[in-house]
């Protein structure tokens, strides 16, 4: 059963089309990264599915409609910047959220352990770093033990340590069987955290699937030789080489995953070509993203 089903969702602001017939399915247990540049429609999508914004067209349903209008009780979310009372500590701020959500459990020990804030639970919110503030917001989303948690740009504005701490927290939440939906424009974080990704641009869905399927199985090669023309001809004759470009004296190409770089080097040498540079690696999500959105 899908946790979330989005069908042809559209949102217009006057002549601006923020979403254009967006369809997406999120299954239970997935860590879905909604990936796109700023202004692509990520936050608009989250706002609509959380009932904050009204769609101009299309529809969506949570939990296959089994929870009716009470579906929000099973969702925790952070949109934009987390807001707490600056003069209250973690326990008092979480207590306010607990009362708003009408949750009976008053014990926040597990949540504060989860976000690594137990040692600062009695410190005022205004003394927290940006990363600590974000982690407290994550703890707040987990009050009531929701099945789904939604985060909008959870690592935005954080330093490397803060990003690492938030990433570890989200990974721990996912390991508990929660479904995580995360909007981000930071490709490296989506690649490290998410199991699935949906790439959107200008309100349109361009690609979706497991991160491993979005990432091509092809390998990426960089080669260089004193005889560039001869090397180019040699590569063009190899059926495993798919795409060849020359950039600043370095040949860049993609090749099928069964190509062995060591064997390619030996074959080039047997054809009288000595490689002065050979690098082989898998393509990264960033490269796939740029290719898809180009």
C-alpha atoms as a PDB file:
ATOM      1  CA  UNK A   1       0.000   0.000   0.000  1.00  0.00           C
ATOM      2  CA  UNK A   2       1.447   3.394  -0.946  1.00  0.00           C
ATOM      3  CA  UNK A   3       1.959   5.796   1.932  1.00  0.00           C
ATOM      4  CA  UNK A   4       1.471   8.743  -0.423  1.00  0.00           C
ATOM      5  CA  UNK A   5      -0.045   8.891  -3.901  1.00  0.00           C
ATOM      6  CA  UNK A   6       0.195  12.139  -5.881  1.00  0.00           C
ATOM      7  CA  UNK A   7      -1.739  12.360  -9.151  1.00  0.00           C
ATOM      8  CA  UNK A   8      -1.297  15.188 -11.681  1.00  0.00           C
ATOM      9  CA  UNK A   9      -0.779  17.811  -8.987  1.00  0.00           C
ATOM     10  CA  UNK A  10      -0.711  21.399 -10.277  1.00  0.00           C
ATOM     11  CA  UNK A  11      -0.327  24.771  -8.588  1.00  0.00           C
ATOM     12  CA  UNK A  12      -0.562  28.174 -10.262  1.00  0.00           C
ATOM     13  CA  UNK A  13       0.325  31.567  -8.857  1.00  0.00           C
ATOM     14  CA  UNK A  14      -1.229  33.792 -11.476  1.00  0.00           C
ATOM     15  CA  UNK A  15       0.668  33.034 -14.678  1.00  0.00           C
ATOM     16  CA  UNK A  16       3.416  31.232 -12.794  1.00  0.00           C
ATOM     17  CA  UNK A  17       3.003  27.441 -12.878  1.00  0.00           C
ATOM     18  CA  UNK A  18       4.747  26.233  -9.731  1.00  0.00           C
ATOM     19  CA  UNK A  19       3.647  22.608 -10.252  1.00  0.00           C
ATOM     20  CA  UNK A  20       2.721  21.079 -13.581  1.00  0.00           C
ATOM     21  CA  UNK A  21       0.798  17.770 -13.367  1.00  0.00           C
ATOM     22  CA  UNK A  22       3.212  16.186 -10.890  1.00  0.00           C
ATOM     23  CA  UNK A  23       2.606  12.494 -10.130  1.00  0.00           C
ATOM     24  CA  UNK A  24       4.577  10.534  -7.555  1.00  0.00           C
ATOM     25  CA  UNK A  25       4.192   7.430  -5.397  1.00  0.00           C
ATOM     26  CA  UNK A  26       5.939   6.974  -2.034  1.00  0.00           C
ATOM     27  CA  UNK A  27       5.920   3.482  -0.550  1.00  0.00           C
ATOM     28  CA  UNK A  28       6.179   2.558   3.124  1.00  0.00           C
ATOM     29  CA  UNK A  29       9.752   2.519   4.435  1.00  0.00           C
ATOM     30  CA  UNK A  30      11.242   4.559   1.598  1.00  0.00           C
ATOM     31  CA  UNK A  31      13.548   7.517   2.174  1.00  0.00           C
ATOM     32  CA  UNK A  32      12.310   9.663  -0.696  1.00  0.00           C
ATOM     33  CA  UNK A  33      14.410  12.643  -1.722  1.00  0.00           C
ATOM     34  CA  UNK A  34      12.555  15.303  -3.702  1.00  0.00           C
ATOM     35  CA  UNK A  35      15.447  16.855  -5.526  1.00  0.00           C
ATOM     36  CA  UNK A  36      15.483  20.040  -7.553  1.00  0.00           C
ATOM     37  CA  UNK A  37      17.018  23.501  -7.843  1.00  0.00           C
ATOM     38  CA  UNK A  38      15.625  26.387  -5.822  1.00  0.00           C
ATOM     39  CA  UNK A  39      12.234  27.383  -7.191  1.00  0.00           C
ATOM     40  CA  UNK A  40      11.549  23.972  -8.731  1.00  0.00           C
ATOM     41  CA  UNK A  41       8.365  23.344  -6.705  1.00  0.00           C
ATOM     42  CA  UNK A  42       9.678  21.211  -3.837  1.00  0.00           C
ATOM     43  CA  UNK A  43       8.279  23.292  -0.957  1.00  0.00           C
ATOM     44  CA  UNK A  44       5.035  23.890  -2.862  1.00  0.00           C
ATOM     45  CA  UNK A  45       4.602  20.125  -3.201  1.00  0.00           C
ATOM     46  CA  UNK A  46       5.171  19.580   0.526  1.00  0.00           C
ATOM     47  CA  UNK A  47       2.822  22.450   1.393  1.00  0.00           C
ATOM     48  CA  UNK A  48       0.012  20.908  -0.657  1.00  0.00           C
ATOM     49  CA  UNK A  49       0.364  17.345   0.627  1.00  0.00           C
ATOM     50  CA  UNK A  50       0.399  18.685   4.203  1.00  0.00           C
ATOM     51  CA  UNK A  51      -2.815  20.613   3.597  1.00  0.00           C
ATOM     52  CA  UNK A  52      -1.189  24.032   4.001  1.00  0.00           C
ATOM     53  CA  UNK A  53      -1.612  25.051   0.347  1.00  0.00           C
ATOM     54  CA  UNK A  54      -4.516  24.362  -1.980  1.00  0.00           C
ATOM     55  CA  UNK A  55      -3.740  22.726  -5.320  1.00  0.00           C
ATOM     56  CA  UNK A  56      -4.945  24.261  -8.564  1.00  0.00           C
ATOM     57  CA  UNK A  57      -5.484  20.803 -10.001  1.00  0.00           C
ATOM     58  CA  UNK A  58      -4.852  17.131  -9.430  1.00  0.00           C
ATOM     59  CA  UNK A  59      -5.157  15.159  -6.227  1.00  0.00           C
ATOM     60  CA  UNK A  60      -3.229  13.287  -3.537  1.00  0.00           C
ATOM     61  CA  UNK A  61      -4.051  10.712  -0.892  1.00  0.00           C
ATOM     62  CA  UNK A  62      -2.332   9.529   2.277  1.00  0.00           C
ATOM     63  CA  UNK A  63      -2.350   5.903   3.451  1.00  0.00           C
ATOM     64  CA  UNK A  64      -4.673   4.935   0.574  1.00  0.00           C
ATOM     65  CA  UNK A  65      -7.425   7.011   2.181  1.00  0.00           C
ATOM     66  CA  UNK A  66      -7.757   4.612   5.138  1.00  0.00           C
ATOM     67  CA  UNK A  67      -7.294   7.363   7.739  1.00  0.00           C
ATOM     68  CA  UNK A  68      -9.660   9.922   6.254  1.00  0.00           C
ATOM     69  CA  UNK A  69      -9.067  13.460   7.494  1.00  0.00           C
ATOM     70  CA  UNK A  70      -7.038  12.186  10.475  1.00  0.00           C
ATOM     71  CA  UNK A  71      -3.997  11.360   8.337  1.00  0.00           C
ATOM     72  CA  UNK A  72      -2.115  14.409   9.675  1.00  0.00           C
ATOM     73  CA  UNK A  73      -1.972  12.767  13.118  1.00  0.00           C
ATOM     74  CA  UNK A  74       0.367  10.178  11.613  1.00  0.00           C
ATOM     75  CA  UNK A  75       2.741  12.670   9.976  1.00  0.00           C
ATOM     76  CA  UNK A  76       5.533  14.765  11.482  1.00  0.00           C
ATOM     77  CA  UNK A  77       6.955  17.626   9.450  1.00  0.00           C
ATOM     78  CA  UNK A  78       9.303  20.593   9.336  1.00  0.00           C
ATOM     79  CA  UNK A  79       8.700  23.235   6.690  1.00  0.00           C
ATOM     80  CA  UNK A  80      11.069  26.184   6.346  1.00  0.00           C
ATOM     81  CA  UNK A  81      12.880  27.322   9.550  1.00  0.00           C
ATOM     82  CA  UNK A  82      11.956  25.578  12.834  1.00  0.00           C
ATOM     83  CA  UNK A  83      10.353  27.933  15.369  1.00  0.00           C
ATOM     84  CA  UNK A  84      10.568  27.459  19.123  1.00  0.00           C
ATOM     85  CA  UNK A  85      10.380  29.743  22.148  1.00  0.00           C
ATOM     86  CA  UNK A  86      13.957  31.079  22.569  1.00  0.00           C
ATOM     87  CA  UNK A  87      13.728  31.442  26.371  1.00  0.00           C
ATOM     88  CA  UNK A  88      12.491  27.867  26.955  1.00  0.00           C
ATOM     89  CA  UNK A  89      14.608  24.726  27.144  1.00  0.00           C
ATOM     90  CA  UNK A  90      14.209  21.596  25.016  1.00  0.00           C
ATOM     91  CA  UNK A  91      11.828  19.858  27.409  1.00  0.00           C
ATOM     92  CA  UNK A  92       9.498  22.842  27.673  1.00  0.00           C
ATOM     93  CA  UNK A  93       9.447  23.432  23.914  1.00  0.00           C
ATOM     94  CA  UNK A  94       8.715  19.763  23.248  1.00  0.00           C
ATOM     95  CA  UNK A  95       5.993  19.826  25.905  1.00  0.00           C
ATOM     96  CA  UNK A  96       4.217  22.596  23.970  1.00  0.00           C
ATOM     97  CA  UNK A  97       4.395  20.520  20.797  1.00  0.00           C
ATOM     98  CA  UNK A  98       3.101  17.479  22.731  1.00  0.00           C
ATOM     99  CA  UNK A  99       0.074  19.430  23.912  1.00  0.00           C
ATOM    100  CA  UNK A 100      -0.627  20.761  20.420  1.00  0.00           C
ATOM    101  CA  UNK A 101      -0.489  17.208  19.028  1.00  0.00           C
ATOM    102  CA  UNK A 102      -2.574  15.923  21.989  1.00  0.00           C
ATOM    103  CA  UNK A 103      -0.103  13.117  22.678  1.00  0.00           C
ATOM    104  CA  UNK A 104      -0.258  11.415  26.087  1.00  0.00           C
ATOM    105  CA  UNK A 105       3.421  10.394  26.412  1.00  0.00           C
ATOM    106  CA  UNK A 106       5.287  13.118  28.351  1.00  0.00           C
ATOM    107  CA  UNK A 107       8.661  11.316  28.310  1.00  0.00           C
ATOM    108  CA  UNK A 108      11.086  12.869  25.823  1.00  0.00           C
ATOM    109  CA  UNK A 109      14.172  10.860  26.863  1.00  0.00           C
ATOM    110  CA  UNK A 110      14.227   8.651  23.764  1.00  0.00           C
ATOM    111  CA  UNK A 111      13.651  11.570  21.404  1.00  0.00           C
ATOM    112  CA  UNK A 112      16.419  13.667  22.936  1.00  0.00           C
ATOM    113  CA  UNK A 113      18.772  10.665  22.838  1.00  0.00           C
ATOM    114  CA  UNK A 114      17.861  10.182  19.178  1.00  0.00           C
ATOM    115  CA  UNK A 115      18.870  13.749  18.279  1.00  0.00           C
ATOM    116  CA  UNK A 116      21.857  13.809  20.669  1.00  0.00           C
ATOM    117  CA  UNK A 117      20.492  16.645  22.820  1.00  0.00           C
ATOM    118  CA  UNK A 118      20.086  14.898  26.186  1.00  0.00           C
ATOM    119  CA  UNK A 119      23.072  16.762  27.574  1.00  0.00           C
ATOM    120  CA  UNK A 120      21.598  20.141  26.579  1.00  0.00           C
ATOM    121  CA  UNK A 121      17.933  19.495  27.331  1.00  0.00           C
ATOM    122  CA  UNK A 122      17.844  22.156  30.072  1.00  0.00           C
ATOM    123  CA  UNK A 123      19.645  24.805  28.003  1.00  0.00           C
ATOM    124  CA  UNK A 124      17.556  27.595  26.518  1.00  0.00           C
ATOM    125  CA  UNK A 125      16.781  27.241  22.820  1.00  0.00           C
ATOM    126  CA  UNK A 126      18.460  30.574  22.055  1.00  0.00           C
ATOM    127  CA  UNK A 127      21.820  29.107  23.155  1.00  0.00           C
ATOM    128  CA  UNK A 128      21.657  26.293  20.583  1.00  0.00           C
ATOM    129  CA  UNK A 129      23.717  26.150  17.404  1.00  0.00           C
ATOM    130  CA  UNK A 130      21.874  25.958  14.083  1.00  0.00           C
ATOM    131  CA  UNK A 131      22.484  22.219  13.958  1.00  0.00           C
ATOM    132  CA  UNK A 132      21.106  21.735  17.477  1.00  0.00           C
ATOM    133  CA  UNK A 133      18.020  23.797  16.626  1.00  0.00           C
ATOM    134  CA  UNK A 134      17.405  21.641  13.580  1.00  0.00           C
ATOM    135  CA  UNK A 135      17.831  18.450  15.593  1.00  0.00           C
ATOM    136  CA  UNK A 136      15.344  19.675  18.204  1.00  0.00           C
ATOM    137  CA  UNK A 137      12.906  20.316  15.365  1.00  0.00           C
ATOM    138  CA  UNK A 138      13.436  16.741  14.196  1.00  0.00           C
ATOM    139  CA  UNK A 139      12.681  15.534  17.738  1.00  0.00           C
ATOM    140  CA  UNK A 140       9.455  17.561  17.662  1.00  0.00           C
ATOM    141  CA  UNK A 141       8.360  15.855  14.431  1.00  0.00           C
ATOM    142  CA  UNK A 142       8.767  12.477  16.132  1.00  0.00           C
ATOM    143  CA  UNK A 143       6.383  13.261  19.001  1.00  0.00           C
ATOM    144  CA  UNK A 144       3.449  10.877  18.735  1.00  0.00           C
ATOM    145  CA  UNK A 145       5.569   8.310  16.875  1.00  0.00           C
ATOM    146  CA  UNK A 146       4.317   9.160  13.348  1.00  0.00           C
ATOM    147  CA  UNK A 147       4.793   6.678  10.506  1.00  0.00           C
ATOM    148  CA  UNK A 148       5.865   9.449   8.105  1.00  0.00           C
ATOM    149  CA  UNK A 149       8.253  12.357   8.680  1.00  0.00           C
ATOM    150  CA  UNK A 150       8.715  15.198   6.188  1.00  0.00           C
ATOM    151  CA  UNK A 151      11.667  17.579   6.094  1.00  0.00           C
ATOM    152  CA  UNK A 152      12.159  20.610   3.865  1.00  0.00           C
ATOM    153  CA  UNK A 153      15.873  21.312   3.272  1.00  0.00           C
ATOM    154  CA  UNK A 154      16.909  19.789   6.648  1.00  0.00           C
ATOM    155  CA  UNK A 155      20.630  20.564   6.208  1.00  0.00           C
ATOM    156  CA  UNK A 156      20.259  24.038   4.688  1.00  0.00           C
ATOM    157  CA  UNK A 157      22.621  26.602   6.216  1.00  0.00           C
ATOM    158  CA  UNK A 158      24.429  24.111   8.449  1.00  0.00           C
ATOM    159  CA  UNK A 159      28.188  23.721   8.737  1.00  0.00           C
ATOM    160  CA  UNK A 160      29.766  20.335   7.866  1.00  0.00           C
ATOM    161  CA  UNK A 161      29.464  19.061  11.442  1.00  0.00           C
ATOM    162  CA  UNK A 162      25.800  20.101  11.625  1.00  0.00           C
ATOM    163  CA  UNK A 163      25.092  18.443   8.273  1.00  0.00           C
ATOM    164  CA  UNK A 164      26.708  15.215   9.459  1.00  0.00           C
ATOM    165  CA  UNK A 165      24.727  15.241  12.713  1.00  0.00           C
ATOM    166  CA  UNK A 166      21.395  15.814  10.936  1.00  0.00           C
ATOM    167  CA  UNK A 167      22.243  13.178   8.327  1.00  0.00           C
ATOM    168  CA  UNK A 168      22.985  10.604  11.030  1.00  0.00           C
ATOM    169  CA  UNK A 169      19.715  11.457  12.787  1.00  0.00           C
ATOM    170  CA  UNK A 170      17.644  11.040   9.613  1.00  0.00           C
ATOM    171  CA  UNK A 171      19.372   7.737   8.869  1.00  0.00           C
ATOM    172  CA  UNK A 172      18.566   6.502  12.393  1.00  0.00           C
ATOM    173  CA  UNK A 173      14.902   7.533  11.978  1.00  0.00           C
ATOM    174  CA  UNK A 174      14.695   5.620   8.706  1.00  0.00           C
ATOM    175  CA  UNK A 175      16.266   2.547  10.341  1.00  0.00           C
ATOM    176  CA  UNK A 176      13.308   2.519  12.743  1.00  0.00           C
ATOM    177  CA  UNK A 177      10.984   1.767   9.836  1.00  0.00           C
ATOM    178  CA  UNK A 178       9.691   5.272   9.293  1.00  0.00           C
ATOM    179  CA  UNK A 179       8.929   6.636   5.849  1.00  0.00           C
ATOM    180  CA  UNK A 180      11.008   9.762   5.269  1.00  0.00           C
ATOM    181  CA  UNK A 181      10.247  12.415   2.641  1.00  0.00           C
ATOM    182  CA  UNK A 182      12.999  14.990   2.270  1.00  0.00           C
ATOM    183  CA  UNK A 183      13.121  17.958  -0.100  1.00  0.00           C
ATOM    184  CA  UNK A 184      16.597  19.207  -0.900  1.00  0.00           C
ATOM    185  CA  UNK A 185      18.745  20.907  -3.519  1.00  0.00           C
ATOM    186  CA  UNK A 186      21.936  19.431  -2.021  1.00  0.00           C
ATOM    187  CA  UNK A 187      22.628  16.436  -4.236  1.00  0.00           C
ATOM    188  CA  UNK A 188      25.369  14.902  -2.103  1.00  0.00           C
ATOM    189  CA  UNK A 189      23.063  14.697   0.919  1.00  0.00           C
ATOM    190  CA  UNK A 190      20.261  13.083  -1.067  1.00  0.00           C
ATOM    191  CA  UNK A 191      22.745  10.534  -2.399  1.00  0.00           C
ATOM    192  CA  UNK A 192      24.002   9.709   1.117  1.00  0.00           C
ATOM    193  CA  UNK A 193      20.619   9.597   2.880  1.00  0.00           C
ATOM    194  CA  UNK A 194      17.887   8.599   0.441  1.00  0.00           C
ATOM    195  CA  UNK A 195      16.856   5.219  -0.941  1.00  0.00           C
ATOM    196  CA  UNK A 196      14.694   6.797  -3.662  1.00  0.00           C
ATOM    197  CA  UNK A 197      14.723  10.116  -5.470  1.00  0.00           C
ATOM    198  CA  UNK A 198      12.313  12.228  -7.504  1.00  0.00           C
ATOM    199  CA  UNK A 199      13.938  14.904  -9.650  1.00  0.00           C
ATOM    200  CA  UNK A 200      11.782  17.924 -10.451  1.00  0.00           C
ATOM    201  CA  UNK A 201      12.416  21.133 -12.353  1.00  0.00           C
ATOM    202  CA  UNK A 202      10.008  23.982 -13.084  1.00  0.00           C
ATOM    203  CA  UNK A 203       7.258  22.010 -11.370  1.00  0.00           C
ATOM    204  CA  UNK A 204       7.645  18.950 -13.600  1.00  0.00           C
ATOM    205  CA  UNK A 205       8.758  15.472 -12.600  1.00  0.00           C
ATOM    206  CA  UNK A 206      11.753  14.536 -14.758  1.00  0.00           C
ATOM    207  CA  UNK A 207      12.789  11.213 -13.228  1.00  0.00           C
ATOM    208  CA  UNK A 208      12.019   9.027 -10.244  1.00  0.00           C
ATOM    209  CA  UNK A 209      13.150   5.686  -8.837  1.00  0.00           C
ATOM    210  CA  UNK A 210      15.699   4.098  -6.514  1.00  0.00           C
ATOM    211  CA  UNK A 211      18.891   6.142  -6.257  1.00  0.00           C
ATOM    212  CA  UNK A 212      20.731   3.177  -7.740  1.00  0.00           C
ATOM    213  CA  UNK A 213      18.535   3.181 -10.842  1.00  0.00           C
ATOM    214  CA  UNK A 214      18.800   6.935 -11.325  1.00  0.00           C
ATOM    215  CA  UNK A 215      22.552   6.557 -11.081  1.00  0.00           C
ATOM    216  CA  UNK A 216      23.747   4.965 -14.293  1.00  0.00           C
ATOM    217  CA  UNK A 217      25.734   1.732 -14.059  1.00  0.00           C
ATOM    218  CA  UNK A 218      28.118   3.190 -16.646  1.00  0.00           C
ATOM    219  CA  UNK A 219      31.616   4.135 -15.574  1.00  0.00           C
ATOM    220  CA  UNK A 220      33.195   7.505 -16.225  1.00  0.00           C
ATOM    221  CA  UNK A 221      36.716   7.666 -17.659  1.00  0.00           C
ATOM    222  CA  UNK A 222      39.315  10.401 -17.960  1.00  0.00           C
ATOM    223  CA  UNK A 223      42.242   9.697 -20.304  1.00  0.00           C
ATOM    224  CA  UNK A 224      45.209  11.595 -21.630  1.00  0.00           C
ATOM    225  CA  UNK A 225      48.025  10.831 -24.068  1.00  0.00           C
ATOM    226  CA  UNK A 226      50.655  12.745 -26.019  1.00  0.00           C
ATOM    227  CA  UNK A 227      48.815  11.706 -29.211  1.00  0.00           C
ATOM    228  CA  UNK A 228      45.275  12.875 -28.551  1.00  0.00           C
ATOM    229  CA  UNK A 229      43.990  12.214 -32.066  1.00  0.00           C
ATOM    230  CA  UNK A 230      45.254   8.639 -32.062  1.00  0.00           C
ATOM    231  CA  UNK A 231      43.719   8.042 -28.623  1.00  0.00           C
ATOM    232  CA  UNK A 232      40.378   9.476 -29.784  1.00  0.00           C
ATOM    233  CA  UNK A 233      40.375   7.130 -32.779  1.00  0.00           C
ATOM    234  CA  UNK A 234      41.238   4.163 -30.586  1.00  0.00           C
ATOM    235  CA  UNK A 235      38.395   4.929 -28.175  1.00  0.00           C
ATOM    236  CA  UNK A 236      35.872   5.404 -30.990  1.00  0.00           C
ATOM    237  CA  UNK A 237      36.692   1.900 -32.237  1.00  0.00           C
ATOM    238  CA  UNK A 238      35.892   0.378 -28.824  1.00  0.00           C
ATOM    239  CA  UNK A 239      32.251  -0.762 -28.642  1.00  0.00           C
ATOM    240  CA  UNK A 240      32.167  -0.379 -24.839  1.00  0.00           C
ATOM    241  CA  UNK A 241      32.808   3.370 -25.104  1.00  0.00           C
ATOM    242  CA  UNK A 242      29.537   5.313 -25.415  1.00  0.00           C
ATOM    243  CA  UNK A 243      30.314   9.008 -25.335  1.00  0.00           C
ATOM    244  CA  UNK A 244      33.583  10.861 -25.926  1.00  0.00           C
ATOM    245  CA  UNK A 245      34.394  14.518 -25.226  1.00  0.00           C
ATOM    246  CA  UNK A 246      37.669  16.432 -25.270  1.00  0.00           C
ATOM    247  CA  UNK A 247      38.030  19.030 -22.508  1.00  0.00           C
ATOM    248  CA  UNK A 248      41.262  20.976 -21.980  1.00  0.00           C
ATOM    249  CA  UNK A 249      43.395  18.202 -23.416  1.00  0.00           C
ATOM    250  CA  UNK A 250      41.725  15.484 -21.317  1.00  0.00           C
ATOM    251  CA  UNK A 251      39.371  12.989 -22.958  1.00  0.00           C
ATOM    252  CA  UNK A 252      36.226  12.289 -20.935  1.00  0.00           C
ATOM    253  CA  UNK A 253      34.012   9.366 -21.850  1.00  0.00           C
ATOM    254  CA  UNK A 254      31.384   7.024 -20.471  1.00  0.00           C
ATOM    255  CA  UNK A 255      31.716   3.285 -20.872  1.00  0.00           C
ATOM    256  CA  UNK A 256      29.622   0.231 -20.068  1.00  0.00           C
ATOM    257  CA  UNK A 257      30.227  -1.271 -16.632  1.00  0.00           C
ATOM    258  CA  UNK A 258      31.863  -4.407 -18.084  1.00  0.00           C
ATOM    259  CA  UNK A 259      34.819  -2.396 -19.394  1.00  0.00           C
ATOM    260  CA  UNK A 260      38.038  -3.130 -17.498  1.00  0.00           C
ATOM    261  CA  UNK A 261      40.237   0.015 -17.286  1.00  0.00           C
ATOM    262  CA  UNK A 262      43.399  -2.091 -16.878  1.00  0.00           C
ATOM    263  CA  UNK A 263      42.611  -4.044 -20.033  1.00  0.00           C
ATOM    264  CA  UNK A 264      41.825  -0.792 -21.848  1.00  0.00           C
ATOM    265  CA  UNK A 265      45.235   0.568 -20.822  1.00  0.00           C
ATOM    266  CA  UNK A 266      46.987  -2.596 -22.053  1.00  0.00           C
ATOM    267  CA  UNK A 267      45.064  -2.535 -25.332  1.00  0.00           C
ATOM    268  CA  UNK A 268      45.961   1.115 -25.887  1.00  0.00           C
ATOM    269  CA  UNK A 269      49.637   0.322 -25.295  1.00  0.00           C
ATOM    270  CA  UNK A 270      49.487  -2.561 -27.802  1.00  0.00           C
ATOM    271  CA  UNK A 271      48.198  -0.018 -30.345  1.00  0.00           C
ATOM    272  CA  UNK A 272      51.166   2.240 -29.701  1.00  0.00           C
ATOM    273  CA  UNK A 273      49.357   4.630 -27.333  1.00  0.00           C
ATOM    274  CA  UNK A 274      50.904   5.427 -23.951  1.00  0.00           C
ATOM    275  CA  UNK A 275      48.421   6.860 -21.478  1.00  0.00           C
ATOM    276  CA  UNK A 276      49.772   9.571 -19.196  1.00  0.00           C
ATOM    277  CA  UNK A 277      46.473   9.830 -17.320  1.00  0.00           C
ATOM    278  CA  UNK A 278      43.700   7.291 -16.642  1.00  0.00           C
ATOM    279  CA  UNK A 279      40.955   7.727 -14.026  1.00  0.00           C
ATOM    280  CA  UNK A 280      37.914   5.474 -13.688  1.00  0.00           C
ATOM    281  CA  UNK A 281      34.912   6.039 -11.407  1.00  0.00           C
ATOM    282  CA  UNK A 282      31.154   5.692 -11.176  1.00  0.00           C
ATOM    283  CA  UNK A 283      29.079   8.702 -12.104  1.00  0.00           C
ATOM    284  CA  UNK A 284      27.703  10.683  -9.179  1.00  0.00           C
ATOM    285  CA  UNK A 285      24.118  11.799  -8.621  1.00  0.00           C
ATOM    286  CA  UNK A 286      25.203  15.367  -9.332  1.00  0.00           C
ATOM    287  CA  UNK A 287      26.299  14.415 -12.842  1.00  0.00           C
ATOM    288  CA  UNK A 288      23.117  12.456 -13.466  1.00  0.00           C
ATOM    289  CA  UNK A 289      21.047  15.365 -12.124  1.00  0.00           C
ATOM    290  CA  UNK A 290      22.737  17.845 -14.454  1.00  0.00           C
ATOM    291  CA  UNK A 291      22.253  15.459 -17.370  1.00  0.00           C
ATOM    292  CA  UNK A 292      18.540  14.975 -16.591  1.00  0.00           C
ATOM    293  CA  UNK A 293      17.780  18.663 -15.971  1.00  0.00           C
ATOM    294  CA  UNK A 294      19.867  19.998 -18.875  1.00  0.00           C
END
